[in-house]
Amino acid sequence: MMAVMLLDGKWFDTYGPYYSDGHNNDELIWNTLSDDSLEEYESKDLSVQRQQLHATFSRNDMLIEDRGFVRCKGKWNLYTPDSVCKGETQLTTATANQTRCITRVRNAIERGFGRLKQ
């Protein structure tokens, strides 16, 4: 399941459910939902979910995501926490500050998922 949560911790929308069979990961699900070129190969439910996603977000929206979305493509600004590259010992100051901001927002999202699981 993919979920959209607002910054105040309220759920906005959910997409799915998607089967967890080793073929459906965050990247594949996101690319399927956001890529318009796949419309001819999809079911009616997926088409409706894609239309809802495109109606919900505009080009200027910032989407905060976890590391499962690092290689995702799409029309929106996707932000994921950065990690240290091989051979480096720490992030640059600017990168570390951006990662902290993303992590603060992600904390609210993870708490929301925790409430769902209770």
PDB file of N, CA and C in Angstrom:
ATOM      1  N   MET A   1       0.838  -1.162   0.000  1.00  0.00           N
ATOM      2  CA  MET A   1       0.000   0.000   0.000  1.00  0.00           C
ATOM      3  C   MET A   1       0.891   1.235   0.000  1.00  0.00           C
ATOM      4  N   MET A   2       0.538   2.189  -0.798  1.00  0.00           N
ATOM      5  CA  MET A   2       1.223   3.481  -0.785  1.00  0.00           C
ATOM      6  C   MET A   2       0.252   4.484  -0.192  1.00  0.00           C
ATOM      7  N   ALA A   3       0.772   5.351   0.663  1.00  0.00           N
ATOM      8  CA  ALA A   3      -0.093   6.293   1.357  1.00  0.00           C
ATOM      9  C   ALA A   3       0.425   7.710   1.193  1.00  0.00           C
ATOM     10  N   VAL A   4      -0.504   8.653   1.189  1.00  0.00           N
ATOM     11  CA  VAL A   4      -0.172  10.070   1.151  1.00  0.00           C
ATOM     12  C   VAL A   4      -0.607  10.653   2.488  1.00  0.00           C
ATOM     13  N   MET A   5       0.357  11.256   3.183  1.00  0.00           N
ATOM     14  CA  MET A   5       0.072  11.850   4.479  1.00  0.00           C
ATOM     15  C   MET A   5       0.452  13.324   4.444  1.00  0.00           C
ATOM     16  N   LEU A   6      -0.354  14.142   5.072  1.00  0.00           N
ATOM     17  CA  LEU A   6      -0.063  15.563   5.172  1.00  0.00           C
ATOM     18  C   LEU A   6       0.939  15.804   6.294  1.00  0.00           C
ATOM     19  N   LEU A   7       1.537  16.982   6.320  1.00  0.00           N
ATOM     20  CA  LEU A   7       2.565  17.284   7.310  1.00  0.00           C
ATOM     21  C   LEU A   7       2.049  17.304   8.740  1.00  0.00           C
ATOM     22  N   ASP A   8       0.752  17.459   8.923  1.00  0.00           N
ATOM     23  CA  ASP A   8       0.213  17.465  10.282  1.00  0.00           C
ATOM     24  C   ASP A   8      -0.110  16.060  10.784  1.00  0.00           C
ATOM     25  N   GLY A   9       0.239  15.030  10.004  1.00  0.00           N
ATOM     26  CA  GLY A   9       0.046  13.649  10.434  1.00  0.00           C
ATOM     27  C   GLY A   9      -1.288  13.049  10.041  1.00  0.00           C
ATOM     28  N   LYS A  10      -2.098  13.758   9.273  1.00  0.00           N
ATOM     29  CA  LYS A  10      -3.392  13.236   8.843  1.00  0.00           C
ATOM     30  C   LYS A  10      -3.237  12.531   7.501  1.00  0.00           C
ATOM     31  N   TRP A  11      -3.935  11.403   7.369  1.00  0.00           N
ATOM     32  CA  TRP A  11      -3.895  10.650   6.121  1.00  0.00           C
ATOM     33  C   TRP A  11      -4.707  11.391   5.073  1.00  0.00           C
ATOM     34  N   PHE A  12      -4.160  11.481   3.874  1.00  0.00           N
ATOM     35  CA  PHE A  12      -4.847  12.148   2.779  1.00  0.00           C
ATOM     36  C   PHE A  12      -5.446  11.135   1.814  1.00  0.00           C
ATOM     37  N   ASP A  13      -4.660  10.129   1.423  1.00  0.00           N
ATOM     38  CA  ASP A  13      -5.126   9.139   0.459  1.00  0.00           C
ATOM     39  C   ASP A  13      -4.241   7.908   0.544  1.00  0.00           C
ATOM     40  N   THR A  14      -4.765   6.784   0.096  1.00  0.00           N
ATOM     41  CA  THR A  14      -3.972   5.556   0.004  1.00  0.00           C
ATOM     42  C   THR A  14      -4.168   4.951  -1.379  1.00  0.00           C
ATOM     43  N   TYR A  15      -3.158   4.262  -1.847  1.00  0.00           N
ATOM     44  CA  TYR A  15      -3.191   3.583  -3.143  1.00  0.00           C
ATOM     45  C   TYR A  15      -2.825   2.127  -2.910  1.00  0.00           C
ATOM     46  N   GLY A  16      -3.536   1.241  -3.520  1.00  0.00           N
ATOM     47  CA  GLY A  16      -3.227  -0.170  -3.351  1.00  0.00           C
ATOM     48  C   GLY A  16      -4.474  -0.910  -2.912  1.00  0.00           C
ATOM     49  N   PRO A  17      -4.334  -2.090  -2.375  1.00  0.00           N
ATOM     50  CA  PRO A  17      -3.102  -2.758  -1.949  1.00  0.00           C
ATOM     51  C   PRO A  17      -2.354  -3.381  -3.129  1.00  0.00           C
ATOM     52  N   TYR A  18      -1.080  -3.547  -2.940  1.00  0.00           N
ATOM     53  CA  TYR A  18      -0.222  -4.184  -3.928  1.00  0.00           C
ATOM     54  C   TYR A  18       0.354  -5.447  -3.319  1.00  0.00           C
ATOM     55  N   TYR A  19       0.448  -6.492  -4.110  1.00  0.00           N
ATOM     56  CA  TYR A  19       0.961  -7.764  -3.619  1.00  0.00           C
ATOM     57  C   TYR A  19       2.456  -7.676  -3.358  1.00  0.00           C
ATOM     58  N   SER A  20       2.877  -8.313  -2.308  1.00  0.00           N
ATOM     59  CA  SER A  20       4.294  -8.343  -1.954  1.00  0.00           C
ATOM     60  C   SER A  20       4.856  -9.697  -2.360  1.00  0.00           C
ATOM     61  N   ASP A  21       5.124  -9.850  -3.645  1.00  0.00           N
ATOM     62  CA  ASP A  21       5.582 -11.139  -4.150  1.00  0.00           C
ATOM     63  C   ASP A  21       7.009 -11.095  -4.688  1.00  0.00           C
ATOM     64  N   GLY A  22       7.763 -10.099  -4.319  1.00  0.00           N
ATOM     65  CA  GLY A  22       9.136  -9.988  -4.795  1.00  0.00           C
ATOM     66  C   GLY A  22       9.261  -9.180  -6.070  1.00  0.00           C
ATOM     67  N   HIS A  23       8.158  -8.976  -6.770  1.00  0.00           N
ATOM     68  CA  HIS A  23       8.190  -8.190  -8.001  1.00  0.00           C
ATOM     69  C   HIS A  23       7.682  -6.770  -7.775  1.00  0.00           C
ATOM     70  N   ASN A  24       6.915  -6.570  -6.729  1.00  0.00           N
ATOM     71  CA  ASN A  24       6.357  -5.247  -6.441  1.00  0.00           C
ATOM     72  C   ASN A  24       7.158  -4.586  -5.333  1.00  0.00           C
ATOM     73  N   ASN A  25       8.017  -3.662  -5.702  1.00  0.00           N
ATOM     74  CA  ASN A  25       8.725  -2.871  -4.705  1.00  0.00           C
ATOM     75  C   ASN A  25       8.286  -1.419  -4.854  1.00  0.00           C
ATOM     76  N   ASP A  26       8.771  -0.557  -3.950  1.00  0.00           N
ATOM     77  CA  ASP A  26       8.349   0.847  -3.967  1.00  0.00           C
ATOM     78  C   ASP A  26       8.609   1.506  -5.317  1.00  0.00           C
ATOM     79  N   GLU A  27       9.779   1.253  -5.871  1.00  0.00           N
ATOM     80  CA  GLU A  27      10.157   1.881  -7.140  1.00  0.00           C
ATOM     81  C   GLU A  27       9.219   1.463  -8.271  1.00  0.00           C
ATOM     82  N   LEU A  28       8.952   0.177  -8.395  1.00  0.00           N
ATOM     83  CA  LEU A  28       8.095  -0.317  -9.469  1.00  0.00           C
ATOM     84  C   LEU A  28       6.670   0.209  -9.329  1.00  0.00           C
ATOM     85  N   ILE A  29       6.153   0.204  -8.110  1.00  0.00           N
ATOM     86  CA  ILE A  29       4.791   0.684  -7.890  1.00  0.00           C
ATOM     87  C   ILE A  29       4.689   2.167  -8.229  1.00  0.00           C
ATOM     88  N   TRP A  30       5.658   2.968  -7.758  1.00  0.00           N
ATOM     89  CA  TRP A  30       5.626   4.413  -8.032  1.00  0.00           C
ATOM     90  C   TRP A  30       5.734   4.690  -9.528  1.00  0.00           C
ATOM     91  N   ASN A  31       6.668   4.026 -10.199  1.00  0.00           N
ATOM     92  CA  ASN A  31       6.836   4.261 -11.634  1.00  0.00           C
ATOM     93  C   ASN A  31       5.592   3.848 -12.407  1.00  0.00           C
ATOM     94  N   THR A  32       4.918   2.795 -11.976  1.00  0.00           N
ATOM     95  CA  THR A  32       3.690   2.364 -12.632  1.00  0.00           C
ATOM     96  C   THR A  32       2.579   3.388 -12.435  1.00  0.00           C
ATOM     97  N   LEU A  33       2.498   3.951 -11.231  1.00  0.00           N
ATOM     98  CA  LEU A  33       1.460   4.946 -10.963  1.00  0.00           C
ATOM     99  C   LEU A  33       1.730   6.280 -11.646  1.00  0.00           C
ATOM    100  N   SER A  34       2.985   6.645 -11.803  1.00  0.00           N
ATOM    101  CA  SER A  34       3.294   7.986 -12.302  1.00  0.00           C
ATOM    102  C   SER A  34       3.606   8.047 -13.792  1.00  0.00           C
ATOM    103  N   ASP A  35       3.814   6.910 -14.446  1.00  0.00           N
ATOM    104  CA  ASP A  35       4.214   6.897 -15.854  1.00  0.00           C
ATOM    105  C   ASP A  35       2.987   6.799 -16.755  1.00  0.00           C
ATOM    106  N   ASP A  36       2.738   7.832 -17.543  1.00  0.00           N
ATOM    107  CA  ASP A  36       1.574   7.859 -18.432  1.00  0.00           C
ATOM    108  C   ASP A  36       1.699   6.916 -19.622  1.00  0.00           C
ATOM    109  N   SER A  37       2.894   6.504 -19.974  1.00  0.00           N
ATOM    110  CA  SER A  37       3.081   5.685 -21.172  1.00  0.00           C
ATOM    111  C   SER A  37       2.616   4.246 -20.977  1.00  0.00           C
ATOM    112  N   LEU A  38       2.277   3.845 -19.757  1.00  0.00           N
ATOM    113  CA  LEU A  38       1.862   2.468 -19.498  1.00  0.00           C
ATOM    114  C   LEU A  38       0.352   2.286 -19.498  1.00  0.00           C
ATOM    115  N   GLU A  39      -0.398   3.294 -19.899  1.00  0.00           N
ATOM    116  CA  GLU A  39      -1.851   3.250 -19.792  1.00  0.00           C
ATOM    117  C   GLU A  39      -2.484   2.091 -20.548  1.00  0.00           C
ATOM    118  N   GLU A  40      -1.927   1.706 -21.663  1.00  0.00           N
ATOM    119  CA  GLU A  40      -2.561   0.661 -22.466  1.00  0.00           C
ATOM    120  C   GLU A  40      -2.397  -0.734 -21.865  1.00  0.00           C
ATOM    121  N   TYR A  41      -1.466  -0.907 -20.910  1.00  0.00           N
ATOM    122  CA  TYR A  41      -1.191  -2.224 -20.348  1.00  0.00           C
ATOM    123  C   TYR A  41      -1.823  -2.436 -18.979  1.00  0.00           C
ATOM    124  N   GLU A  42      -2.676  -1.558 -18.539  1.00  0.00           N
ATOM    125  CA  GLU A  42      -3.107  -1.596 -17.152  1.00  0.00           C
ATOM    126  C   GLU A  42      -4.573  -1.940 -17.003  1.00  0.00           C
ATOM    127  N   SER A  43      -4.931  -2.243 -15.772  1.00  0.00           N
ATOM    128  CA  SER A  43      -6.320  -2.522 -15.450  1.00  0.00           C
ATOM    129  C   SER A  43      -7.068  -1.208 -15.219  1.00  0.00           C
ATOM    130  N   LYS A  44      -8.370  -1.308 -15.118  1.00  0.00           N
ATOM    131  CA  LYS A  44      -9.186  -0.117 -14.887  1.00  0.00           C
ATOM    132  C   LYS A  44      -8.885   0.487 -13.514  1.00  0.00           C
ATOM    133  N   ASP A  45      -8.674  -0.361 -12.496  1.00  0.00           N
ATOM    134  CA  ASP A  45      -8.374   0.140 -11.148  1.00  0.00           C
ATOM    135  C   ASP A  45      -7.085   0.947 -11.134  1.00  0.00           C
ATOM    136  N   LEU A  46      -6.064   0.452 -11.814  1.00  0.00           N
ATOM    137  CA  LEU A  46      -4.791   1.160 -11.857  1.00  0.00           C
ATOM    138  C   LEU A  46      -4.934   2.481 -12.597  1.00  0.00           C
ATOM    139  N   SER A  47      -5.751   2.497 -13.637  1.00  0.00           N
ATOM    140  CA  SER A  47      -5.991   3.732 -14.384  1.00  0.00           C
ATOM    141  C   SER A  47      -6.665   4.775 -13.500  1.00  0.00           C
ATOM    142  N   VAL A  48      -7.614   4.349 -12.686  1.00  0.00           N
ATOM    143  CA  VAL A  48      -8.301   5.263 -11.771  1.00  0.00           C
ATOM    144  C   VAL A  48      -7.323   5.789 -10.733  1.00  0.00           C
ATOM    145  N   GLN A  49      -6.475   4.924 -10.190  1.00  0.00           N
ATOM    146  CA  GLN A  49      -5.495   5.358  -9.196  1.00  0.00           C
ATOM    147  C   GLN A  49      -4.499   6.343  -9.802  1.00  0.00           C
ATOM    148  N   ARG A  50      -4.085   6.112 -11.037  1.00  0.00           N
ATOM    149  CA  ARG A  50      -3.164   7.035 -11.700  1.00  0.00           C
ATOM    150  C   ARG A  50      -3.826   8.401 -11.897  1.00  0.00           C
ATOM    151  N   GLN A  51      -5.082   8.407 -12.331  1.00  0.00           N
ATOM    152  CA  GLN A  51      -5.788   9.671 -12.515  1.00  0.00           C
ATOM    153  C   GLN A  51      -5.923  10.426 -11.197  1.00  0.00           C
ATOM    154  N   GLN A  52      -6.195   9.699 -10.104  1.00  0.00           N
ATOM    155  CA  GLN A  52      -6.293  10.342  -8.795  1.00  0.00           C
ATOM    156  C   GLN A  52      -4.958  10.942  -8.381  1.00  0.00           C
ATOM    157  N   LEU A  53      -3.875  10.213  -8.618  1.00  0.00           N
ATOM    158  CA  LEU A  53      -2.543  10.697  -8.257  1.00  0.00           C
ATOM    159  C   LEU A  53      -2.201  11.967  -9.026  1.00  0.00           C
ATOM    160  N   HIS A  54      -2.476  11.973 -10.317  1.00  0.00           N
ATOM    161  CA  HIS A  54      -2.170  13.143 -11.146  1.00  0.00           C
ATOM    162  C   HIS A  54      -3.082  14.325 -10.802  1.00  0.00           C
ATOM    163  N   ALA A  55      -4.308  14.057 -10.375  1.00  0.00           N
ATOM    164  CA  ALA A  55      -5.216  15.136  -9.984  1.00  0.00           C
ATOM    165  C   ALA A  55      -4.845  15.718  -8.621  1.00  0.00           C
ATOM    166  N   THR A  56      -4.216  14.914  -7.781  1.00  0.00           N
ATOM    167  CA  THR A  56      -3.880  15.346  -6.423  1.00  0.00           C
ATOM    168  C   THR A  56      -2.662  16.249  -6.391  1.00  0.00           C
ATOM    169  N   PHE A  57      -1.636  15.922  -7.157  1.00  0.00           N
ATOM    170  CA  PHE A  57      -0.362  16.633  -7.078  1.00  0.00           C
ATOM    171  C   PHE A  57      -0.128  17.505  -8.302  1.00  0.00           C
ATOM    172  N   SER A  58       0.480  18.666  -8.061  1.00  0.00           N
ATOM    173  CA  SER A  58       0.899  19.523  -9.165  1.00  0.00           C
ATOM    174  C   SER A  58       2.408  19.380  -9.353  1.00  0.00           C
ATOM    175  N   ARG A  59       2.934  19.941 -10.414  1.00  0.00           N
ATOM    176  CA  ARG A  59       4.364  19.821 -10.729  1.00  0.00           C
ATOM    177  C   ARG A  59       5.269  20.392  -9.644  1.00  0.00           C
ATOM    178  N   ASN A  60       4.815  21.378  -8.898  1.00  0.00           N
ATOM    179  CA  ASN A  60       5.643  22.040  -7.896  1.00  0.00           C
ATOM    180  C   ASN A  60       5.628  21.348  -6.541  1.00  0.00           C
ATOM    181  N   ASP A  61       4.826  20.322  -6.372  1.00  0.00           N
ATOM    182  CA  ASP A  61       4.735  19.645  -5.082  1.00  0.00           C
ATOM    183  C   ASP A  61       6.019  18.896  -4.761  1.00  0.00           C
ATOM    184  N   MET A  62       6.353  18.894  -3.486  1.00  0.00           N
ATOM    185  CA  MET A  62       7.535  18.164  -3.002  1.00  0.00           C
ATOM    186  C   MET A  62       7.047  16.901  -2.310  1.00  0.00           C
ATOM    187  N   LEU A  63       7.556  15.759  -2.728  1.00  0.00           N
ATOM    188  CA  LEU A  63       7.167  14.486  -2.141  1.00  0.00           C
ATOM    189  C   LEU A  63       8.344  13.919  -1.359  1.00  0.00           C
ATOM    190  N   ILE A  64       8.116  13.613  -0.088  1.00  0.00           N
ATOM    191  CA  ILE A  64       9.143  13.051   0.782  1.00  0.00           C
ATOM    192  C   ILE A  64       8.967  11.542   0.774  1.00  0.00           C
ATOM    193  N   GLU A  65      10.036  10.827   0.487  1.00  0.00           N
ATOM    194  CA  GLU A  65       9.950   9.373   0.344  1.00  0.00           C
ATOM    195  C   GLU A  65      11.114   8.710   1.059  1.00  0.00           C
ATOM    196  N   ASP A  66      10.987   7.401   1.277  1.00  0.00           N
ATOM    197  CA  ASP A  66      12.086   6.679   1.918  1.00  0.00           C
ATOM    198  C   ASP A  66      13.054   6.151   0.861  1.00  0.00           C
ATOM    199  N   ARG A  67      14.056   5.424   1.294  1.00  0.00           N
ATOM    200  CA  ARG A  67      15.123   4.987   0.385  1.00  0.00           C
ATOM    201  C   ARG A  67      14.656   4.005  -0.696  1.00  0.00           C
ATOM    202  N   GLY A  68      13.490   3.431  -0.531  1.00  0.00           N
ATOM    203  CA  GLY A  68      12.962   2.541  -1.553  1.00  0.00           C
ATOM    204  C   GLY A  68      12.623   3.255  -2.854  1.00  0.00           C
ATOM    205  N   PHE A  69      12.588   4.567  -2.808  1.00  0.00           N
ATOM    206  CA  PHE A  69      12.215   5.374  -3.968  1.00  0.00           C
ATOM    207  C   PHE A  69      13.396   6.090  -4.604  1.00  0.00           C
ATOM    208  N   VAL A  70      14.616   5.748  -4.232  1.00  0.00           N
ATOM    209  CA  VAL A  70      15.807   6.492  -4.665  1.00  0.00           C
ATOM    210  C   VAL A  70      15.913   6.570  -6.187  1.00  0.00           C
ATOM    211  N   ARG A  71      15.628   5.499  -6.894  1.00  0.00           N
ATOM    212  CA  ARG A  71      15.794   5.482  -8.352  1.00  0.00           C
ATOM    213  C   ARG A  71      14.499   5.769  -9.102  1.00  0.00           C
ATOM    214  N   CYS A  72      13.510   6.298  -8.422  1.00  0.00           N
ATOM    215  CA  CYS A  72      12.224   6.559  -9.068  1.00  0.00           C
ATOM    216  C   CYS A  72      12.306   7.747 -10.006  1.00  0.00           C
ATOM    217  N   LYS A  73      11.498   7.660 -11.036  1.00  0.00           N
ATOM    218  CA  LYS A  73      11.377   8.779 -11.958  1.00  0.00           C
ATOM    219  C   LYS A  73       9.975   9.339 -11.800  1.00  0.00           C
ATOM    220  N   GLY A  74       9.758  10.502 -12.309  1.00  0.00           N
ATOM    221  CA  GLY A  74       8.425  11.068 -12.210  1.00  0.00           C
ATOM    222  C   GLY A  74       8.425  12.547 -12.498  1.00  0.00           C
ATOM    223  N   LYS A  75       7.254  13.112 -12.439  1.00  0.00           N
ATOM    224  CA  LYS A  75       7.067  14.513 -12.779  1.00  0.00           C
ATOM    225  C   LYS A  75       7.256  15.423 -11.576  1.00  0.00           C
ATOM    226  N   TRP A  76       7.308  14.871 -10.391  1.00  0.00           N
ATOM    227  CA  TRP A  76       7.333  15.672  -9.178  1.00  0.00           C
ATOM    228  C   TRP A  76       8.728  15.705  -8.575  1.00  0.00           C
ATOM    229  N   ASN A  77       8.915  16.624  -7.629  1.00  0.00           N
ATOM    230  CA  ASN A  77      10.184  16.724  -6.910  1.00  0.00           C
ATOM    231  C   ASN A  77      10.200  15.665  -5.815  1.00  0.00           C
ATOM    232  N   LEU A  78      11.030  14.662  -5.975  1.00  0.00           N
ATOM    233  CA  LEU A  78      11.106  13.560  -5.020  1.00  0.00           C
ATOM    234  C   LEU A  78      12.305  13.764  -4.110  1.00  0.00           C
ATOM    235  N   TYR A  79      12.086  13.726  -2.807  1.00  0.00           N
ATOM    236  CA  TYR A  79      13.160  13.917  -1.843  1.00  0.00           C
ATOM    237  C   TYR A  79      13.294  12.676  -0.976  1.00  0.00           C
ATOM    238  N   THR A  80      14.490  12.139  -0.928  1.00  0.00           N
ATOM    239  CA  THR A  80      14.806  10.999  -0.066  1.00  0.00           C
ATOM    240  C   THR A  80      16.012  11.364   0.789  1.00  0.00           C
ATOM    241  N   PRO A  81      16.145  10.765   1.971  1.00  0.00           N
ATOM    242  CA  PRO A  81      17.326  11.043   2.791  1.00  0.00           C
ATOM    243  C   PRO A  81      18.589  10.551   2.082  1.00  0.00           C
ATOM    244  N   ASP A  82      19.628  11.358   2.106  1.00  0.00           N
ATOM    245  CA  ASP A  82      20.897  10.965   1.494  1.00  0.00           C
ATOM    246  C   ASP A  82      21.696  10.096   2.454  1.00  0.00           C
ATOM    247  N   SER A  83      22.604   9.327   1.905  1.00  0.00           N
ATOM    248  CA  SER A  83      23.509   8.524   2.726  1.00  0.00           C
ATOM    249  C   SER A  83      24.942   8.789   2.269  1.00  0.00           C
ATOM    250  N   VAL A  84      25.875   8.378   3.084  1.00  0.00           N
ATOM    251  CA  VAL A  84      27.289   8.606   2.801  1.00  0.00           C
ATOM    252  C   VAL A  84      27.721   7.679   1.667  1.00  0.00           C
ATOM    253  N   CYS A  85      28.413   8.223   0.679  1.00  0.00           N
ATOM    254  CA  CYS A  85      28.923   7.434  -0.444  1.00  0.00           C
ATOM    255  C   CYS A  85      30.183   6.686  -0.025  1.00  0.00           C
ATOM    256  N   LYS A  86      30.520   5.679  -0.796  1.00  0.00           N
ATOM    257  CA  LYS A  86      31.748   4.932  -0.514  1.00  0.00           C
ATOM    258  C   LYS A  86      32.950   5.860  -0.574  1.00  0.00           C
ATOM    259  N   GLY A  87      33.841   5.697   0.376  1.00  0.00           N
ATOM    260  CA  GLY A  87      35.043   6.498   0.418  1.00  0.00           C
ATOM    261  C   GLY A  87      34.893   7.802   1.184  1.00  0.00           C
ATOM    262  N   GLU A  88      33.669   8.169   1.542  1.00  0.00           N
ATOM    263  CA  GLU A  88      33.444   9.390   2.311  1.00  0.00           C
ATOM    264  C   GLU A  88      33.162   9.023   3.762  1.00  0.00           C
ATOM    265  N   THR A  89      33.464   9.941   4.659  1.00  0.00           N
ATOM    266  CA  THR A  89      33.227   9.673   6.072  1.00  0.00           C
ATOM    267  C   THR A  89      31.983  10.366   6.600  1.00  0.00           C
ATOM    268  N   GLN A  90      31.548  11.441   5.941  1.00  0.00           N
ATOM    269  CA  GLN A  90      30.344  12.135   6.375  1.00  0.00           C
ATOM    270  C   GLN A  90      29.753  12.928   5.220  1.00  0.00           C
ATOM    271  N   LEU A  91      28.507  13.342   5.405  1.00  0.00           N
ATOM    272  CA  LEU A  91      27.833  14.161   4.406  1.00  0.00           C
ATOM    273  C   LEU A  91      28.336  15.595   4.485  1.00  0.00           C
ATOM    274  N   THR A  92      28.192  16.326   3.397  1.00  0.00           N
ATOM    275  CA  THR A  92      28.520  17.752   3.441  1.00  0.00           C
ATOM    276  C   THR A  92      27.494  18.453   4.335  1.00  0.00           C
ATOM    277  N   THR A  93      27.807  19.648   4.765  1.00  0.00           N
ATOM    278  CA  THR A  93      26.910  20.380   5.665  1.00  0.00           C
ATOM    279  C   THR A  93      25.547  20.610   5.021  1.00  0.00           C
ATOM    280  N   ALA A  94      25.536  21.042   3.777  1.00  0.00           N
ATOM    281  CA  ALA A  94      24.269  21.311   3.083  1.00  0.00           C
ATOM    282  C   ALA A  94      23.447  20.030   2.921  1.00  0.00           C
ATOM    283  N   THR A  95      24.104  18.936   2.543  1.00  0.00           N
ATOM    284  CA  THR A  95      23.408  17.665   2.364  1.00  0.00           C
ATOM    285  C   THR A  95      22.888  17.144   3.695  1.00  0.00           C
ATOM    286  N   ALA A  96      23.688  17.267   4.745  1.00  0.00           N
ATOM    287  CA  ALA A  96      23.261  16.817   6.073  1.00  0.00           C
ATOM    288  C   ALA A  96      22.053  17.611   6.556  1.00  0.00           C
ATOM    289  N   ASN A  97      22.041  18.908   6.324  1.00  0.00           N
ATOM    290  CA  ASN A  97      20.904  19.736   6.739  1.00  0.00           C
ATOM    291  C   ASN A  97      19.638  19.381   5.966  1.00  0.00           C
ATOM    292  N   GLN A  98      19.772  19.138   4.664  1.00  0.00           N
ATOM    293  CA  GLN A  98      18.610  18.737   3.870  1.00  0.00           C
ATOM    294  C   GLN A  98      18.094  17.378   4.334  1.00  0.00           C
ATOM    295  N   THR A  99      19.001  16.456   4.639  1.00  0.00           N
ATOM    296  CA  THR A  99      18.605  15.133   5.109  1.00  0.00           C
ATOM    297  C   THR A  99      17.888  15.228   6.454  1.00  0.00           C
ATOM    298  N   ARG A 100      18.334  16.121   7.327  1.00  0.00           N
ATOM    299  CA  ARG A 100      17.655  16.319   8.617  1.00  0.00           C
ATOM    300  C   ARG A 100      16.216  16.797   8.415  1.00  0.00           C
ATOM    301  N   CYS A 101      16.019  17.726   7.502  1.00  0.00           N
ATOM    302  CA  CYS A 101      14.666  18.220   7.221  1.00  0.00           C
ATOM    303  C   CYS A 101      13.770  17.101   6.701  1.00  0.00           C
ATOM    304  N   ILE A 102      14.294  16.311   5.798  1.00  0.00           N
ATOM    305  CA  ILE A 102      13.533  15.191   5.246  1.00  0.00           C
ATOM    306  C   ILE A 102      13.208  14.190   6.342  1.00  0.00           C
ATOM    307  N   THR A 103      14.163  13.920   7.221  1.00  0.00           N
ATOM    308  CA  THR A 103      13.967  12.951   8.293  1.00  0.00           C
ATOM    309  C   THR A 103      12.898  13.424   9.272  1.00  0.00           C
ATOM    310  N   ARG A 104      12.827  14.710   9.541  1.00  0.00           N
ATOM    311  CA  ARG A 104      11.777  15.236  10.428  1.00  0.00           C
ATOM    312  C   ARG A 104      10.388  14.955   9.863  1.00  0.00           C
ATOM    313  N   VAL A 105      10.228  15.174   8.579  1.00  0.00           N
ATOM    314  CA  VAL A 105       8.936  14.911   7.947  1.00  0.00           C
ATOM    315  C   VAL A 105       8.663  13.414   7.915  1.00  0.00           C
ATOM    316  N   ARG A 106       9.667  12.624   7.600  1.00  0.00           N
ATOM    317  CA  ARG A 106       9.508  11.168   7.557  1.00  0.00           C
ATOM    318  C   ARG A 106       9.117  10.614   8.920  1.00  0.00           C
ATOM    319  N   ASN A 107       9.563  11.245   9.988  1.00  0.00           N
ATOM    320  CA  ASN A 107       9.207  10.804  11.327  1.00  0.00           C
ATOM    321  C   ASN A 107       7.689  10.837  11.511  1.00  0.00           C
ATOM    322  N   ALA A 108       7.036  11.901  11.040  1.00  0.00           N
ATOM    323  CA  ALA A 108       5.577  11.992  11.130  1.00  0.00           C
ATOM    324  C   ALA A 108       4.916  10.891  10.316  1.00  0.00           C
ATOM    325  N   ILE A 109       5.480  10.587   9.170  1.00  0.00           N
ATOM    326  CA  ILE A 109       4.926   9.536   8.316  1.00  0.00           C
ATOM    327  C   ILE A 109       5.042   8.175   8.997  1.00  0.00           C
ATOM    328  N   GLU A 110       6.207   7.872   9.546  1.00  0.00           N
ATOM    329  CA  GLU A 110       6.405   6.584  10.216  1.00  0.00           C
ATOM    330  C   GLU A 110       5.507   6.449  11.439  1.00  0.00           C
ATOM    331  N   ARG A 111       5.275   7.536  12.154  1.00  0.00           N
ATOM    332  CA  ARG A 111       4.343   7.494  13.285  1.00  0.00           C
ATOM    333  C   ARG A 111       2.928   7.200  12.801  1.00  0.00           C
ATOM    334  N   GLY A 112       2.567   7.762  11.657  1.00  0.00           N
ATOM    335  CA  GLY A 112       1.252   7.480  11.083  1.00  0.00           C
ATOM    336  C   GLY A 112       1.094   6.016  10.724  1.00  0.00           C
ATOM    337  N   PHE A 113       2.125   5.415  10.135  1.00  0.00           N
ATOM    338  CA  PHE A 113       2.071   3.982   9.846  1.00  0.00           C
ATOM    339  C   PHE A 113       1.994   3.176  11.132  1.00  0.00           C
ATOM    340  N   GLY A 114       2.675   3.635  12.178  1.00  0.00           N
ATOM    341  CA  GLY A 114       2.599   2.965  13.477  1.00  0.00           C
ATOM    342  C   GLY A 114       1.180   2.977  14.026  1.00  0.00           C
ATOM    343  N   ARG A 115       0.468   4.095  13.846  1.00  0.00           N
ATOM    344  CA  ARG A 115      -0.929   4.169  14.295  1.00  0.00           C
ATOM    345  C   ARG A 115      -1.804   3.210  13.500  1.00  0.00           C
ATOM    346  N   LEU A 116      -1.535   3.041  12.221  1.00  0.00           N
ATOM    347  CA  LEU A 116      -2.313   2.100  11.408  1.00  0.00           C
ATOM    348  C   LEU A 116      -2.125   0.660  11.871  1.00  0.00           C
ATOM    349  N   LYS A 117      -0.925   0.329  12.300  1.00  0.00           N
ATOM    350  CA  LYS A 117      -0.613  -1.044  12.690  1.00  0.00           C
ATOM    351  C   LYS A 117      -1.148  -1.416  14.065  1.00  0.00           C
ATOM    352  N   GLN A 118      -1.561  -0.424  14.859  1.00  0.00           N
ATOM    353  CA  GLN A 118      -2.066  -0.721  16.205  1.00  0.00           C
ATOM    354  C   GLN A 118      -3.417  -1.371  16.160  1.00  0.00           C
TER     355      GLN A 118
END
